[in-house]
Amino acid sequence: LHSHTNGHQKNGHGDSIFHGIGGGSDENKNNNILRYFKMADNALQKYFRNDKAPFILFAVDYLHPIYSTANSLENYVKEGIKGNPDGLSITEIMTQSIEYMKPYFQKEEEQALDRFSTYGSGGKTSVSLQDIIPAAIYGRVEALFIPEGQQHWGIYDEMTSKIIDAEEDCPACEDLFEMAAVQTLITDGKVFVQKSDRIPEGAKIAAIFRY
């Protein structure tokens, strides 16, 4: 806002007249939003250009096509969530986002299960934790299937590449299912947490190898 005093004096004080830039046309408004979204896209590129996770927009309807024009991230899901996130907590936004993306992840999971069946016993799959742990550490695991709510306690000896099974209360032990999952994620693999009866070949854990 800008103000200036008009020439009329009243009780020794000038009357201030306020003016500023109005809302303008819808075209100008959309151009301003587009410029803002391009700035946001440039900032996001610095953090997510190498990230393969899906990227969605949570915004009111008319913002989605404008953002699509500005976006340059390959993993952007164009549909996104249409609604006003103002007033929602981070937890509420996350919950809605996960629910919205369920079909995407389920499709990805089904494709991974199909690949496991296709590869068969040709050396690109395994249901042996002894094989999977070192493969995950060396970045060979493309997709990992682990059982929901279950652990496998033990010790992995990196010197011998051997697994020693143990009880949960062993001080030096860790959950080897979790170790496999973390190592898979670190090397850009996919981890699918499933019901026990969904693990391939009825195993406790399964993996698809890159090579």
Protein backbone atom coordinates (compact mmCIF):
# COMPACT_ATOMS: atom_id res chain seq x y z
CA LEU A 1 0.00 0.00 0.00
CA HIS A 2 1.05 3.52 -0.71
CA SER A 3 -0.41 6.64 0.82
CA HIS A 4 -0.23 10.34 0.19
CA THR A 5 -1.88 13.30 1.83
CA ASN A 6 -4.41 15.25 -0.17
CA GLY A 7 -4.40 19.00 -0.16
CA HIS A 8 -7.45 19.35 2.02
CA GLN A 9 -6.69 20.11 5.63
CA LYS A 10 -9.14 19.18 8.32
CA ASN A 11 -8.50 20.16 11.92
CA GLY A 12 -4.89 20.72 10.96
CA HIS A 13 -4.43 17.20 9.59
CA GLY A 14 -4.40 16.07 6.01
CA ASP A 15 -6.62 13.21 4.94
CA SER A 16 -4.58 10.23 3.76
CA ILE A 17 -5.62 8.54 0.54
CA PHE A 18 -4.57 4.87 0.28
CA HIS A 19 -4.13 3.01 -2.95
CA GLY A 20 -2.30 -0.05 -4.18
CA ILE A 21 -2.17 -2.79 -6.76
CA GLY A 22 -5.53 -4.41 -7.19
CA GLY A 23 -6.28 -8.08 -7.76
CA GLY A 24 -5.98 -7.64 -11.52
CA SER A 25 -7.30 -10.06 -14.10
CA ASP A 26 -7.50 -13.83 -13.67
CA GLU A 27 -4.75 -14.15 -16.27
CA ASN A 28 -2.39 -11.96 -14.25
CA LYS A 29 -3.24 -13.89 -11.10
CA ASN A 30 -2.52 -17.23 -12.78
CA ASN A 31 0.76 -15.90 -14.18
CA ASN A 32 1.82 -14.84 -10.70
CA ILE A 33 0.93 -18.27 -9.32
CA LEU A 34 2.85 -19.94 -12.14
CA ARG A 35 5.94 -17.86 -11.38
CA TYR A 36 5.66 -18.81 -7.71
CA PHE A 37 5.31 -22.51 -8.57
CA LYS A 38 8.38 -22.35 -10.82
CA MET A 39 10.34 -20.95 -7.89
CA ALA A 40 9.03 -23.80 -5.72
CA ASP A 41 9.96 -26.33 -8.40
CA ASN A 42 13.52 -24.97 -8.60
CA ALA A 43 13.85 -25.33 -4.82
CA LEU A 44 12.42 -28.87 -4.83
CA GLN A 45 14.78 -29.94 -7.60
CA LYS A 46 17.73 -29.43 -5.26
CA TYR A 47 16.31 -31.97 -2.82
CA PHE A 48 14.34 -34.45 -4.90
CA ARG A 49 15.81 -34.67 -8.41
CA ASN A 50 17.43 -38.02 -7.55
CA ASP A 51 14.53 -39.27 -5.43
CA LYS A 52 12.36 -41.94 -7.07
CA ALA A 53 9.49 -41.70 -4.58
CA PRO A 54 6.20 -40.35 -6.00
CA PHE A 55 5.60 -36.62 -5.55
CA ILE A 56 2.07 -35.24 -5.21
CA LEU A 57 0.43 -31.86 -4.80
CA PHE A 58 -2.20 -31.29 -2.10
CA ALA A 59 -4.07 -28.13 -3.14
CA VAL A 60 -7.41 -26.70 -4.24
CA ASP A 61 -8.62 -27.72 -7.71
CA TYR A 62 -7.57 -24.76 -9.85
CA LEU A 63 -3.93 -24.88 -8.66
CA HIS A 64 -3.25 -28.39 -10.02
CA PRO A 65 -3.09 -27.59 -13.77
CA ILE A 66 -0.93 -24.53 -13.05
CA TYR A 67 1.49 -26.56 -10.96
CA SER A 68 1.67 -29.26 -13.65
CA THR A 69 2.93 -26.61 -16.06
CA ALA A 70 5.66 -25.53 -13.63
CA ASN A 71 6.74 -28.99 -12.48
CA SER A 72 9.94 -30.60 -13.77
CA LEU A 73 10.18 -33.59 -11.41
CA GLU A 74 9.79 -36.88 -13.29
CA ASN A 75 8.03 -38.68 -10.44
CA TYR A 76 5.26 -36.07 -10.09
CA VAL A 77 1.79 -37.67 -9.89
CA LYS A 78 -0.38 -35.26 -11.85
CA GLU A 79 -3.74 -36.09 -10.28
CA GLY A 80 -2.76 -35.22 -6.72
CA ILE A 81 -5.09 -34.49 -3.82
CA LYS A 82 -7.72 -31.87 -4.51
CA GLY A 83 -8.71 -30.00 -1.37
CA ASN A 84 -7.62 -27.27 0.99
CA PRO A 85 -4.87 -28.43 3.38
CA ASP A 86 -5.01 -25.22 5.42
CA GLY A 87 -5.75 -26.01 9.04
CA LEU A 88 -4.65 -29.66 8.75
CA SER A 89 -1.78 -30.95 10.85
CA ILE A 90 1.26 -32.60 9.26
CA THR A 91 -0.03 -35.95 10.56
CA GLU A 92 -3.44 -35.41 8.94
CA ILE A 93 -1.84 -34.42 5.64
CA MET A 94 0.41 -37.49 5.75
CA THR A 95 -2.52 -39.80 6.56
CA GLN A 96 -4.57 -38.49 3.64
CA SER A 97 -1.56 -38.69 1.32
CA ILE A 98 -0.79 -42.31 2.22
CA GLU A 99 -4.43 -43.28 1.72
CA TYR A 100 -4.50 -41.52 -1.64
CA MET A 101 -1.33 -43.27 -2.82
CA LYS A 102 -2.36 -46.81 -1.77
CA PRO A 103 -3.40 -47.87 -5.31
CA TYR A 104 -0.03 -46.64 -6.65
CA PHE A 105 1.95 -48.69 -4.14
CA GLN A 106 -0.29 -51.74 -4.51
CA LYS A 107 0.25 -51.69 -8.28
CA GLU A 108 4.01 -51.44 -7.77
CA GLU A 109 3.87 -54.33 -5.30
CA GLU A 110 1.89 -56.54 -7.70
CA GLN A 111 4.41 -55.82 -10.46
CA ALA A 112 7.28 -56.82 -8.15
CA LEU A 113 5.51 -60.07 -7.19
CA ASP A 114 4.99 -60.84 -10.89
CA ARG A 115 8.70 -60.27 -11.56
CA PHE A 116 9.61 -62.63 -8.71
CA SER A 117 7.44 -65.36 -10.27
CA THR A 118 8.84 -64.69 -13.75
CA TYR A 119 12.47 -64.89 -12.63
CA GLY A 120 11.81 -68.16 -10.81
CA SER A 121 14.95 -69.96 -9.68
CA GLY A 122 17.27 -68.34 -12.19
CA GLY A 123 19.52 -66.80 -9.57
CA LYS A 124 17.83 -63.37 -9.52
CA THR A 125 15.58 -64.21 -6.55
CA SER A 126 16.08 -65.65 -3.07
CA VAL A 127 14.10 -66.55 0.03
CA SER A 128 17.21 -67.12 2.14
CA LEU A 129 18.06 -64.49 4.73
CA GLN A 130 21.67 -65.72 4.52
CA ASP A 131 21.76 -64.67 0.85
CA ILE A 132 19.62 -61.53 1.18
CA ILE A 133 21.51 -59.70 3.95
CA PRO A 134 24.90 -59.49 2.16
CA ALA A 135 23.15 -58.78 -1.15
CA ALA A 136 21.30 -55.86 0.44
CA ILE A 137 24.52 -54.50 1.95
CA TYR A 138 26.24 -54.57 -1.46
CA GLY A 139 23.30 -52.91 -3.24
CA ARG A 140 22.13 -55.96 -5.15
CA VAL A 141 18.53 -56.02 -3.86
CA GLU A 142 16.04 -54.47 -6.25
CA ALA A 143 12.92 -55.44 -4.26
CA LEU A 144 12.51 -56.88 -0.78
CA PHE A 145 9.44 -58.55 0.73
CA ILE A 146 9.30 -58.68 4.53
CA PRO A 147 6.51 -59.81 6.88
CA GLU A 148 4.43 -57.22 8.68
CA GLY A 149 4.97 -57.08 12.44
CA GLN A 150 7.63 -59.80 12.57
CA GLN A 151 11.30 -59.74 13.53
CA HIS A 152 14.23 -62.08 13.06
CA TRP A 153 16.84 -61.53 15.75
CA GLY A 154 20.45 -62.38 15.21
CA ILE A 155 23.95 -61.20 14.35
CA TYR A 156 25.43 -60.68 10.90
CA ASP A 157 29.19 -61.26 10.81
CA GLU A 158 30.55 -59.09 8.01
CA MET A 159 33.94 -60.81 8.10
CA THR A 160 32.47 -64.21 7.25
CA SER A 161 29.15 -63.03 5.72
CA LYS A 162 27.41 -65.47 8.06
CA ILE A 163 24.23 -65.06 10.12
CA ILE A 164 24.02 -66.25 13.70
CA ASP A 165 20.43 -66.63 14.91
CA ALA A 166 19.81 -65.50 18.49
CA GLU A 167 17.18 -64.58 21.03
CA GLU A 168 15.70 -61.09 21.19
CA ASP A 169 17.35 -60.24 24.49
CA CYS A 170 20.87 -60.81 23.11
CA PRO A 171 22.72 -57.48 23.70
CA ALA A 172 24.63 -57.60 20.40
CA CYS A 173 21.66 -58.75 18.33
CA GLU A 174 19.46 -56.81 15.94
CA ASP A 175 16.39 -57.43 13.84
CA LEU A 176 17.83 -58.83 10.60
CA PHE A 177 14.58 -58.17 8.71
CA GLU A 178 14.99 -54.52 9.59
CA MET A 179 18.68 -54.58 8.61
CA ALA A 180 17.79 -55.99 5.20
CA ALA A 181 15.09 -53.33 4.73
CA VAL A 182 17.34 -50.43 5.72
CA GLN A 183 20.19 -51.59 3.48
CA THR A 184 17.77 -52.06 0.58
CA LEU A 185 16.37 -48.55 0.97
CA ILE A 186 19.84 -46.99 1.30
CA THR A 187 20.74 -48.43 -2.11
CA ASP A 188 17.45 -47.29 -3.76
CA GLY A 189 15.72 -50.65 -3.63
CA LYS A 190 12.01 -51.13 -2.90
CA VAL A 191 10.73 -52.63 0.35
CA PHE A 192 7.26 -54.17 0.53
CA VAL A 193 5.88 -54.93 4.00
CA GLN A 194 3.28 -57.66 3.60
CA LYS A 195 1.06 -60.13 5.38
CA SER A 196 2.94 -63.38 5.96
CA ASP A 197 0.85 -65.29 3.43
CA ARG A 198 1.80 -62.77 0.72
CA ILE A 199 5.56 -63.43 0.91
CA PRO A 200 6.61 -65.38 -2.22
CA GLU A 201 6.98 -69.16 -1.89
CA GLY A 202 5.51 -69.05 1.63
CA ALA A 203 8.89 -67.88 2.93
CA LYS A 204 9.61 -65.51 5.82
CA ILE A 205 11.49 -63.08 3.57
CA ALA A 206 12.11 -62.81 -0.17
CA ALA A 207 14.10 -60.64 -2.55
CA ILE A 208 14.64 -59.84 -6.20
CA PHE A 209 18.29 -59.15 -7.09
CA ARG A 210 19.52 -56.59 -9.60
CA TYR A 211 22.23 -59.01 -10.70
